[in-house]
């Protein structure tokens, strides 16, 4: 009878692992780097076109960044936003300073426009890193706000 109780305890402990539990502290070294000899930043999309957007509609842009190199990728400062058209740049949020090889993170840019702010908006998010080949990356965010 005692043996049966131990077996049930074991099953209860294993079920969450079998259903997709993934530890977050596994070393990223198991990933084969695409670039050797240094860090390398890869960005999933460099242009976000939102087209016509109704005033007071929130937009969240998620820019996925990955270190595809074989050394740590270090972010230099916070991402900055340049306004090419429109006004009032939103803030870009990056919650890490370093990515080990194979790791990824997201830069989040949230914004909305209110009455009187209709028209075209064109922002450039600039991301600076220690990537020796592409130390500065640029991502475009464009929208046309309608009343």
Protein backbone atom coordinates (compact mmCIF):
# COMPACT_ATOMS: atom_id res chain seq x y z
CA UNK A 1 0.00 0.00 0.00
CA UNK A 2 2.82 2.41 0.81
CA UNK A 3 4.42 1.64 -2.55
CA UNK A 4 1.23 2.66 -4.38
CA UNK A 5 1.23 6.07 -2.65
CA UNK A 6 4.81 6.73 -3.72
CA UNK A 7 3.94 5.80 -7.30
CA UNK A 8 1.02 8.24 -7.36
CA UNK A 9 3.17 11.02 -5.98
CA UNK A 10 5.70 10.38 -8.72
CA UNK A 11 3.01 10.57 -11.41
CA UNK A 12 1.66 13.85 -10.07
CA UNK A 13 5.16 15.35 -10.15
CA UNK A 14 5.87 14.17 -13.70
CA UNK A 15 2.63 15.19 -15.42
CA UNK A 16 3.40 18.95 -15.57
CA UNK A 17 6.80 18.21 -17.11
CA UNK A 18 5.28 15.91 -19.72
CA UNK A 19 2.73 18.58 -20.69
CA UNK A 20 5.25 21.15 -21.88
CA UNK A 21 6.96 22.55 -18.81
CA UNK A 22 10.23 24.06 -19.98
CA UNK A 23 12.85 25.30 -17.53
CA UNK A 24 14.00 28.84 -18.29
CA UNK A 25 17.53 28.42 -17.02
CA UNK A 26 18.83 25.93 -19.57
CA UNK A 27 22.11 27.06 -21.15
CA UNK A 28 21.68 28.54 -24.61
CA UNK A 29 24.91 26.84 -25.75
CA UNK A 30 22.82 23.97 -27.17
CA UNK A 31 21.78 26.28 -30.02
CA UNK A 32 24.05 26.21 -33.06
CA UNK A 33 25.02 29.82 -33.87
CA UNK A 34 24.49 31.14 -37.39
CA UNK A 35 27.46 33.50 -37.02
CA UNK A 36 30.80 32.63 -35.40
CA UNK A 37 33.45 34.94 -34.00
CA UNK A 38 31.14 37.40 -32.26
CA UNK A 39 27.60 38.39 -31.40
CA UNK A 40 25.03 38.90 -34.15
CA UNK A 41 21.57 40.41 -33.84
CA UNK A 42 18.69 39.09 -35.95
CA UNK A 43 15.39 40.99 -36.13
CA UNK A 44 12.21 39.21 -37.20
CA UNK A 45 10.67 42.25 -38.98
CA UNK A 46 12.09 45.63 -39.91
CA UNK A 47 8.85 47.25 -41.12
CA UNK A 48 5.48 47.39 -39.35
CA UNK A 49 2.75 48.91 -41.56
CA UNK A 50 -0.50 49.47 -39.68
CA UNK A 51 -2.30 51.35 -42.47
CA UNK A 52 -5.46 53.24 -41.50
CA UNK A 53 -6.08 53.25 -37.74
CA UNK A 54 -9.04 54.83 -35.96
CA UNK A 55 -8.17 57.47 -33.35
CA UNK A 56 -8.01 56.08 -29.75
CA UNK A 57 -7.11 52.56 -30.95
CA UNK A 58 -4.12 51.19 -29.02
CA UNK A 59 -1.28 49.65 -31.02
CA UNK A 60 1.40 47.37 -29.61
CA UNK A 61 4.42 46.60 -31.76
CA UNK A 62 6.58 43.65 -30.68
CA UNK A 63 10.03 43.58 -32.26
CA UNK A 64 11.64 40.16 -31.77
CA UNK A 65 15.43 40.23 -31.40
CA UNK A 66 17.63 37.13 -31.32
CA UNK A 67 21.36 36.63 -30.78
CA UNK A 68 22.40 34.32 -33.63
CA UNK A 69 26.11 34.74 -32.89
CA UNK A 70 28.41 32.71 -30.67
CA UNK A 71 29.20 35.45 -28.13
CA UNK A 72 27.05 37.59 -25.82
CA UNK A 73 25.07 40.36 -27.53
CA UNK A 74 25.06 43.55 -25.44
CA UNK A 75 22.47 46.31 -25.95
CA UNK A 76 23.93 49.80 -25.78
CA UNK A 77 21.41 52.03 -24.05
CA UNK A 78 17.67 51.98 -24.55
CA UNK A 79 16.22 51.81 -28.07
CA UNK A 80 15.53 55.33 -29.36
CA UNK A 81 12.69 56.49 -31.58
CA UNK A 82 13.09 59.05 -34.34
CA UNK A 83 9.99 60.79 -35.72
CA UNK A 84 10.07 61.10 -39.51
CA UNK A 85 6.44 62.15 -39.80
CA UNK A 86 3.87 63.01 -37.15
CA UNK A 87 4.72 63.86 -33.55
CA UNK A 88 5.04 62.55 -30.04
CA UNK A 89 7.26 59.48 -30.27
CA UNK A 90 6.24 56.55 -28.07
CA UNK A 91 8.70 54.86 -25.73
CA UNK A 92 10.46 51.64 -26.76
CA UNK A 93 10.85 49.20 -23.86
CA UNK A 94 13.67 46.64 -23.71
CA UNK A 95 13.91 44.67 -20.46
CA UNK A 96 17.36 43.09 -20.90
CA UNK A 97 20.87 44.37 -21.43
CA UNK A 98 22.52 41.18 -22.70
CA UNK A 99 21.50 38.12 -24.73
CA UNK A 100 23.59 34.97 -24.60
CA UNK A 101 23.95 33.00 -27.87
CA UNK A 102 20.56 31.62 -28.90
CA UNK A 103 18.54 33.83 -26.55
CA UNK A 104 15.84 36.23 -27.70
CA UNK A 105 13.90 39.16 -26.35
CA UNK A 106 11.27 41.63 -27.46
CA UNK A 107 11.30 45.42 -27.80
CA UNK A 108 7.78 46.66 -27.10
CA UNK A 109 6.42 49.91 -28.53
CA UNK A 110 2.88 50.86 -27.40
CA UNK A 111 1.04 53.94 -28.58
CA UNK A 112 -2.30 55.44 -29.49
CA UNK A 113 -3.36 58.77 -30.94
CA UNK A 114 -6.20 60.93 -29.69
CA UNK A 115 -8.50 63.51 -31.31
CA UNK A 116 -6.51 66.16 -33.14
CA UNK A 117 -3.61 63.80 -33.84
CA UNK A 118 -4.92 62.36 -37.10
CA UNK A 119 -2.68 61.91 -40.12
CA UNK A 120 0.44 60.00 -41.06
CA UNK A 121 2.96 58.81 -38.49
CA UNK A 122 6.33 57.33 -39.38
CA UNK A 123 8.71 56.30 -36.59
CA UNK A 124 12.14 54.65 -36.70
CA UNK A 125 13.15 52.53 -33.74
CA UNK A 126 16.95 52.41 -33.46
CA UNK A 127 18.55 49.54 -31.58
CA UNK A 128 22.28 49.69 -30.80
CA UNK A 129 24.35 46.63 -29.85
CA UNK A 130 27.90 45.33 -29.83
CA UNK A 131 27.26 43.43 -33.10
CA UNK A 132 30.50 44.19 -35.00
CA UNK A 133 28.86 43.99 -38.45
CA UNK A 134 25.53 45.76 -37.76
CA UNK A 135 25.95 47.81 -34.57
CA UNK A 136 22.75 49.79 -35.23
CA UNK A 137 19.51 48.29 -36.51
CA UNK A 138 16.45 50.24 -37.60
CA UNK A 139 12.78 49.23 -37.51
CA UNK A 140 10.06 51.32 -39.21
CA UNK A 141 6.59 51.75 -37.69
CA UNK A 142 4.05 53.49 -39.95
CA UNK A 143 0.38 54.31 -39.50
CA UNK A 144 -2.31 56.67 -40.76
CA UNK A 145 -4.67 57.83 -38.02
CA UNK A 146 -8.29 58.63 -38.94
CA UNK A 147 -10.94 60.48 -36.88
